[in-house]
Amino acid sequence: MPSPRYRVGFVGAGGVATRHAAVLSEFSDVTIAGVVDPNPDSAKALAEQSGATVEETVESLLSLELDAVYVCVPPFAHGPAETAVLAAGVPLFVEKPLGLDTELPAQLAAQIVAADVVTGVGFHWRYSAAVEKARAALAGRPVSLVSGSWLDKVPPVGWWPRRDGSGGQLVEQSVHVVDLARVLVGEVTEVYAAADATPPDVPGADVDGSAAATLRFANGAVGTLSTTCRLGWKHRAALELYADGVAVAISEDGCEVRTADGHEWHPVDPMDAKRAVDRAFLDAVGGDRSGLLVDYPDALVSHQLACALAVSAAERRPVELAAADV
């Protein structure tokens, strides 16, 4: 029997879409059929790279008899594409974050649950072998302290430094870190964030330049999160976890485990996780959901946590969290 061919469409043709398309091109059972993007040059470039057609609308993209659609759009642009894809009953992969706030993502999650549509979300850190190393090191040792960080530069896209474009660094970038904290420690019940309220020095910026937060977990653990976009390079994006007799640090590059007896460094190739998240989604589209580590309703909970941090920083108050109502 020949291998099945998954016909995939892309809504969005920016940097993240280009990365996903490059990964999918490595899979022999995938064809990228079409691309739609409001920027015709970006759409053309991705289409030429992928051997796809350029489509004018999401509706024309969906007319290509697709098996799945990747929605890789900026935070402010989420909503219309997901709604159209769900209405067509087509499996959906969405890049994080899910939006600027929680209202629309919660509505979409409810539709997804009701229709039982296969979904995946770009929390590729979950698929890293570094996470399994961390699980093994922490086995039988409850985490009591968490320290997350995202210390970076302003990404070179015009929408990112604006609140109405990205939602800010807590929503757009550090959501990766808090998502991983949920996976390894458990749900967060309360956050309290503070920001410097001074934008980074780039044109049109109104997002916070730096922020710090405390987090309380349902199991009693406590944590901190530190973010800044004031640097000229990506300095650190990591999650550190502390339990009795062990310290574990996870980054995209690997996992470090320290005990009184010494330390071990377990390197990983960051691209392995990025391939794995795409492969798991396509396998789920084909009927095998066993490798799918995060779907849209689960990702919504991490998104709600990131948005709670942003609200806390903006309103200067603690924010309590509840489970996603889907």
Protein backbone atom coordinates (compact mmCIF):
# COMPACT_ATOMS: atom_id res chain seq x y z
CA MET A 1 0.00 0.00 0.00
CA PRO A 2 1.38 3.47 -0.84
CA SER A 3 1.89 5.91 2.01
CA PRO A 4 -1.04 8.26 2.51
CA ARG A 5 -0.51 11.82 1.35
CA TYR A 6 -1.69 14.52 3.67
CA ARG A 7 -2.73 17.65 1.79
CA VAL A 8 -1.94 20.61 4.03
CA GLY A 9 -2.79 24.30 3.69
CA PHE A 10 -1.19 27.29 5.40
CA VAL A 11 -2.90 30.43 6.67
CA GLY A 12 0.01 32.77 7.27
CA ALA A 13 3.37 32.76 5.53
CA GLY A 14 5.74 34.38 8.03
CA GLY A 15 8.79 32.98 9.75
CA VAL A 16 7.04 30.35 11.87
CA ALA A 17 4.96 29.15 8.91
CA THR A 18 8.13 28.88 6.86
CA ARG A 19 9.71 26.73 9.57
CA HIS A 20 6.71 24.40 9.74
CA ALA A 21 6.63 24.14 5.95
CA ALA A 22 10.32 23.22 5.89
CA VAL A 23 9.71 20.48 8.44
CA LEU A 24 6.67 19.15 6.57
CA SER A 25 8.73 19.03 3.37
CA GLU A 26 10.90 16.41 5.09
CA PHE A 27 7.91 14.08 5.47
CA SER A 28 7.29 11.86 2.45
CA ASP A 29 3.56 11.63 3.16
CA VAL A 30 2.86 15.39 3.12
CA THR A 31 2.00 17.75 0.28
CA ILE A 32 1.60 21.48 0.94
CA ALA A 33 -1.27 22.36 -1.36
CA GLY A 34 -1.89 26.06 -0.81
CA VAL A 35 -0.91 29.20 1.07
CA VAL A 36 -2.85 32.35 1.94
CA ASP A 37 -1.39 35.50 3.49
CA PRO A 38 -2.36 39.20 3.26
CA ASN A 39 1.22 39.91 2.20
CA PRO A 40 1.42 38.65 -1.40
CA ASP A 41 5.22 38.56 -1.39
CA SER A 42 5.29 36.34 1.70
CA ALA A 43 2.60 34.06 0.28
CA LYS A 44 4.47 33.74 -3.00
CA ALA A 45 7.77 32.99 -1.30
CA LEU A 46 6.33 30.22 0.87
CA ALA A 47 4.33 28.79 -2.02
CA GLU A 48 7.42 28.63 -4.24
CA GLN A 49 9.41 27.02 -1.43
CA SER A 50 6.69 24.43 -0.88
CA GLY A 51 5.44 23.78 -4.40
CA ALA A 52 2.04 25.13 -3.39
CA THR A 53 -0.45 27.52 -4.94
CA VAL A 54 -1.14 31.02 -3.66
CA GLU A 55 -4.77 31.42 -2.62
CA GLU A 56 -6.63 34.71 -2.17
CA THR A 57 -8.88 33.70 0.75
CA VAL A 58 -9.18 31.06 3.44
CA GLU A 59 -12.33 29.86 1.68
CA SER A 60 -10.44 29.24 -1.57
CA LEU A 61 -7.71 27.49 0.42
CA LEU A 62 -10.30 25.17 1.95
CA SER A 63 -11.63 24.33 -1.50
CA LEU A 64 -8.40 22.43 -2.20
CA GLU A 65 -9.73 19.32 -0.36
CA LEU A 66 -7.25 19.61 2.49
CA ASP A 67 -6.57 17.08 5.22
CA ALA A 68 -5.27 19.74 7.63
CA VAL A 69 -4.67 23.47 7.92
CA TYR A 70 -1.87 25.25 9.77
CA VAL A 71 -2.87 28.66 11.14
CA CYS A 72 0.38 30.57 11.71
CA VAL A 73 -0.73 34.16 12.17
CA PRO A 74 0.21 36.93 14.63
CA PRO A 75 -1.74 37.00 17.91
CA PHE A 76 -4.01 39.84 16.78
CA ALA A 77 -5.06 37.95 13.62
CA HIS A 78 -6.44 34.79 15.25
CA GLY A 79 -10.12 33.99 14.94
CA PRO A 80 -11.46 34.21 11.38
CA ALA A 81 -9.21 31.49 9.99
CA GLU A 82 -9.85 29.05 12.84
CA THR A 83 -13.60 29.67 12.58
CA ALA A 84 -13.60 28.92 8.84
CA VAL A 85 -11.49 25.78 9.22
CA LEU A 86 -13.66 24.44 12.03
CA ALA A 87 -16.81 25.14 10.03
CA ALA A 88 -15.34 22.99 7.26
CA GLY A 89 -14.53 20.21 9.75
CA VAL A 90 -10.85 20.17 8.81
CA PRO A 91 -8.14 19.28 11.39
CA LEU A 92 -6.42 22.38 12.67
CA PHE A 93 -2.91 23.22 13.86
CA VAL A 94 -2.57 26.62 15.55
CA GLU A 95 0.64 28.41 16.47
CA LYS A 96 0.84 29.96 19.90
CA PRO A 97 -0.27 32.25 21.36
CA LEU A 98 -3.94 31.56 20.67
CA GLY A 99 -4.86 35.25 20.64
CA LEU A 100 -4.56 38.55 22.47
CA ASP A 101 -6.99 37.58 25.23
CA THR A 102 -8.99 34.55 26.39
CA GLU A 103 -12.54 35.15 25.16
CA LEU A 104 -12.20 34.08 21.54
CA PRO A 105 -9.88 31.12 22.24
CA ALA A 106 -12.36 29.83 24.84
CA GLN A 107 -15.17 29.98 22.27
CA LEU A 108 -13.04 28.14 19.71
CA ALA A 109 -12.06 25.49 22.27
CA ALA A 110 -15.72 24.83 23.04
CA GLN A 111 -16.45 24.37 19.32
CA ILE A 112 -13.49 22.02 18.98
CA VAL A 113 -14.62 19.86 21.89
CA ALA A 114 -18.20 19.72 20.60
CA ALA A 115 -17.12 18.74 17.09
CA ASP A 116 -14.23 16.47 18.19
CA VAL A 117 -11.96 18.02 15.56
CA VAL A 118 -8.29 16.98 15.68
CA THR A 119 -6.15 19.92 16.77
CA GLY A 120 -2.54 20.60 17.61
CA VAL A 121 -0.75 23.66 19.00
CA GLY A 122 2.85 24.77 18.60
CA PHE A 123 4.06 24.14 22.15
CA HIS A 124 7.00 22.20 20.77
CA TRP A 125 8.94 22.30 24.06
CA ARG A 126 6.65 19.54 25.30
CA TYR A 127 8.07 17.23 22.64
CA SER A 128 11.70 17.72 23.63
CA ALA A 129 13.73 14.79 24.95
CA ALA A 130 14.93 17.25 27.61
CA VAL A 131 11.48 17.05 29.21
CA GLU A 132 11.74 13.28 29.58
CA LYS A 133 15.16 13.68 31.20
CA ALA A 134 13.61 16.16 33.63
CA ARG A 135 10.74 13.80 34.44
CA ALA A 136 13.18 11.00 35.20
CA ALA A 137 15.30 13.20 37.45
CA LEU A 138 12.25 14.45 39.35
CA ALA A 139 10.52 11.08 39.68
CA GLY A 140 9.30 10.61 43.25
CA ARG A 141 10.47 14.10 44.24
CA PRO A 142 7.69 16.73 44.28
CA VAL A 143 8.80 20.08 42.93
CA SER A 144 8.65 22.85 45.53
CA LEU A 145 10.22 25.77 43.65
CA VAL A 146 10.01 26.87 40.02
CA SER A 147 11.97 29.61 38.25
CA GLY A 148 11.16 30.53 34.67
CA SER A 149 12.82 33.12 32.44
CA TRP A 150 12.59 34.59 28.96
CA LEU A 151 15.37 37.14 28.49
CA ASP A 152 15.53 38.27 24.90
CA LYS A 153 15.43 41.00 22.28
CA VAL A 154 12.44 42.50 20.48
CA PRO A 155 11.67 40.24 17.49
CA PRO A 156 12.07 42.03 14.13
CA VAL A 157 8.37 42.17 13.18
CA GLY A 158 6.34 45.36 13.37
CA TRP A 159 3.38 43.95 15.30
CA TRP A 160 5.41 42.47 18.17
CA PRO A 161 6.22 45.59 20.28
CA ARG A 162 2.54 46.67 20.33
CA ARG A 163 0.04 45.37 22.88
CA ASP A 164 -2.66 45.24 20.22
CA GLY A 165 -0.34 43.17 18.04
CA SER A 166 1.32 40.63 20.33
CA GLY A 167 -0.23 41.02 23.77
CA GLY A 168 3.27 41.59 25.15
CA GLN A 169 6.12 39.28 26.07
CA LEU A 170 4.23 37.50 28.86
CA VAL A 171 1.65 36.34 26.31
CA GLU A 172 3.72 35.94 23.15
CA GLN A 173 6.95 34.37 24.37
CA SER A 174 6.95 33.26 28.01
CA VAL A 175 3.81 31.20 27.44
CA HIS A 176 6.24 28.44 26.38
CA VAL A 177 7.79 28.48 29.85
CA VAL A 178 4.56 28.52 31.82
CA ASP A 179 3.13 25.78 29.61
CA LEU A 180 6.09 23.57 30.50
CA ALA A 181 5.65 24.43 34.18
CA ARG A 182 2.07 23.15 33.96
CA VAL A 183 3.31 19.91 32.40
CA LEU A 184 6.00 19.21 34.98
CA VAL A 185 4.57 20.75 38.16
CA GLY A 186 0.80 21.12 37.78
CA GLU A 187 -1.83 23.79 37.46
CA VAL A 188 -1.32 27.35 38.68
CA THR A 189 -4.01 28.82 40.92
CA GLU A 190 -2.79 32.38 41.46
CA VAL A 191 -0.34 34.83 39.89
CA TYR A 192 0.94 38.26 40.82
CA ALA A 193 2.96 40.12 38.20
CA ALA A 194 4.65 43.51 38.07
CA ALA A 195 6.10 45.28 35.05
CA ASP A 196 8.41 48.24 34.55
CA ALA A 197 5.73 49.91 32.38
CA THR A 198 8.46 51.34 30.14
CA PRO A 199 8.44 50.12 26.55
CA PRO A 200 11.61 48.88 24.85
CA ASP A 201 13.41 51.42 22.69
CA VAL A 202 11.93 50.51 19.30
CA PRO A 203 9.51 52.53 17.14
CA GLY A 204 5.86 52.28 18.12
CA ALA A 205 6.48 50.11 21.19
CA ASP A 206 3.99 50.14 24.05
CA VAL A 207 4.61 46.69 25.58
CA ASP A 208 6.42 46.33 28.90
CA GLY A 209 10.18 46.10 28.62
CA SER A 210 10.55 43.82 31.65
CA ALA A 211 8.28 41.96 34.04
CA ALA A 212 8.51 39.71 37.07
CA ALA A 213 5.86 37.46 38.59
CA THR A 214 5.15 34.99 41.35
CA LEU A 215 3.04 31.89 40.81
CA ARG A 216 1.26 29.59 43.24
CA PHE A 217 0.61 26.02 42.15
CA ALA A 218 -2.32 23.86 43.22
CA ASN A 219 0.02 21.30 44.79
CA GLY A 220 1.67 23.91 47.03
CA ALA A 221 4.73 24.66 44.91
CA VAL A 222 5.69 28.28 44.31
CA GLY A 223 7.42 29.89 41.38
CA THR A 224 8.81 33.00 39.78
CA LEU A 225 8.94 34.23 36.20
CA SER A 226 11.28 36.90 34.84
CA THR A 227 11.04 38.44 31.37
CA THR A 228 12.74 41.18 29.43
CA CYS A 229 12.91 42.19 25.78
CA ARG A 230 15.55 44.90 26.35
CA LEU A 231 18.53 42.87 25.17
CA GLY A 232 20.09 42.69 21.74
CA TRP A 233 20.24 38.89 21.73
CA LYS A 234 18.37 35.87 23.08
CA HIS A 235 20.09 35.49 26.42
CA ARG A 236 18.03 32.81 28.14
CA ALA A 237 14.72 31.01 27.83
CA ALA A 238 14.48 28.30 30.45
CA LEU A 239 12.60 26.62 33.25
CA GLU A 240 14.35 25.61 36.47
CA LEU A 241 12.79 23.19 38.96
CA TYR A 242 13.93 22.40 42.48
CA ALA A 243 12.96 19.39 44.59
CA ASP A 244 14.53 17.54 47.51
CA GLY A 245 18.13 16.91 46.56
CA VAL A 246 17.90 17.84 42.89
CA ALA A 247 17.95 20.90 40.64
CA VAL A 248 16.78 20.59 37.03
CA ALA A 249 17.08 23.22 34.29
CA ILE A 250 15.40 22.85 30.90
CA SER A 251 16.06 24.92 27.80
CA GLU A 252 15.54 24.31 24.10
CA ASP A 253 19.13 23.03 23.98
CA GLY A 254 18.86 20.39 26.69
CA CYS A 255 18.43 19.48 30.33
CA GLU A 256 20.87 19.94 33.19
CA VAL A 257 20.47 17.80 36.32
CA ARG A 258 22.40 18.68 39.48
CA THR A 259 22.62 16.71 42.71
CA ALA A 260 25.10 16.60 45.60
CA ASP A 261 27.06 14.05 43.59
CA GLY A 262 27.61 16.31 40.60
CA HIS A 263 25.81 17.35 37.46
CA GLU A 264 24.81 15.93 34.09
CA TRP A 265 24.11 17.80 30.87
CA HIS A 266 21.79 16.14 28.37
CA PRO A 267 21.95 18.08 25.08
CA VAL A 268 19.18 17.94 22.52
CA ASP A 269 18.75 19.25 18.99
CA PRO A 270 15.99 21.91 19.18
CA MET A 271 14.79 20.90 15.73
CA ASP A 272 13.91 17.41 16.96
CA ALA A 273 11.07 18.80 19.07
CA LYS A 274 9.91 21.01 16.21
CA ARG A 275 9.75 17.99 13.93
CA ALA A 276 8.01 15.91 16.58
CA VAL A 277 5.18 18.39 17.15
CA ASP A 278 4.35 18.37 13.42
CA ARG A 279 4.67 14.59 13.10
CA ALA A 280 2.42 13.97 16.10
CA PHE A 281 -0.27 16.27 14.71
CA LEU A 282 -0.26 14.58 11.29
CA ASP A 283 -0.34 11.13 12.87
CA ALA A 284 -3.39 12.30 14.85
CA VAL A 285 -4.99 13.49 11.61
CA GLY A 286 -4.41 9.95 10.32
CA GLY A 287 -6.16 8.44 13.33
CA ASP A 288 -3.34 7.86 15.84
CA ARG A 289 -3.63 10.45 18.61
CA SER A 290 -1.31 8.60 21.01
CA GLY A 291 1.64 10.91 20.33
CA LEU A 292 -0.30 14.18 20.44
CA LEU A 293 0.89 15.92 23.61
CA VAL A 294 -1.11 19.15 23.40
CA ASP A 295 -4.38 19.95 21.68
CA TYR A 296 -6.23 23.26 21.53
CA PRO A 297 -8.32 22.86 24.75
CA ASP A 298 -5.19 21.96 26.74
CA ALA A 299 -3.25 24.84 25.19
CA LEU A 300 -6.08 27.16 26.19
CA VAL A 301 -5.25 26.60 29.86
CA SER A 302 -1.64 27.72 29.30
CA HIS A 303 -2.90 30.68 27.29
CA GLN A 304 -5.24 31.66 30.11
CA LEU A 305 -2.31 31.51 32.51
CA ALA A 306 -0.18 33.78 30.30
CA CYS A 307 -3.07 36.23 29.92
CA ALA A 308 -3.63 36.22 33.69
CA LEU A 309 -0.01 37.26 34.13
CA ALA A 310 -0.51 40.12 31.66
CA VAL A 311 -3.70 41.24 33.40
CA SER A 312 -2.00 41.12 36.79
CA ALA A 313 0.88 43.28 35.55
CA ALA A 314 -1.47 45.79 33.89
CA GLU A 315 -3.89 46.05 36.82
CA ARG A 316 -1.30 45.67 39.59
CA ARG A 317 -3.21 43.00 41.48
CA PRO A 318 -3.15 39.25 42.08
CA VAL A 319 -5.23 37.17 39.67
CA GLU A 320 -6.76 33.81 40.55
CA LEU A 321 -7.16 31.15 37.89
CA ALA A 322 -9.81 28.50 37.29
CA ALA A 323 -9.84 25.53 34.92
CA ALA A 324 -10.80 26.24 31.32
CA ASP A 325 -14.57 26.04 31.00
CA VAL A 326 -14.83 23.88 27.87
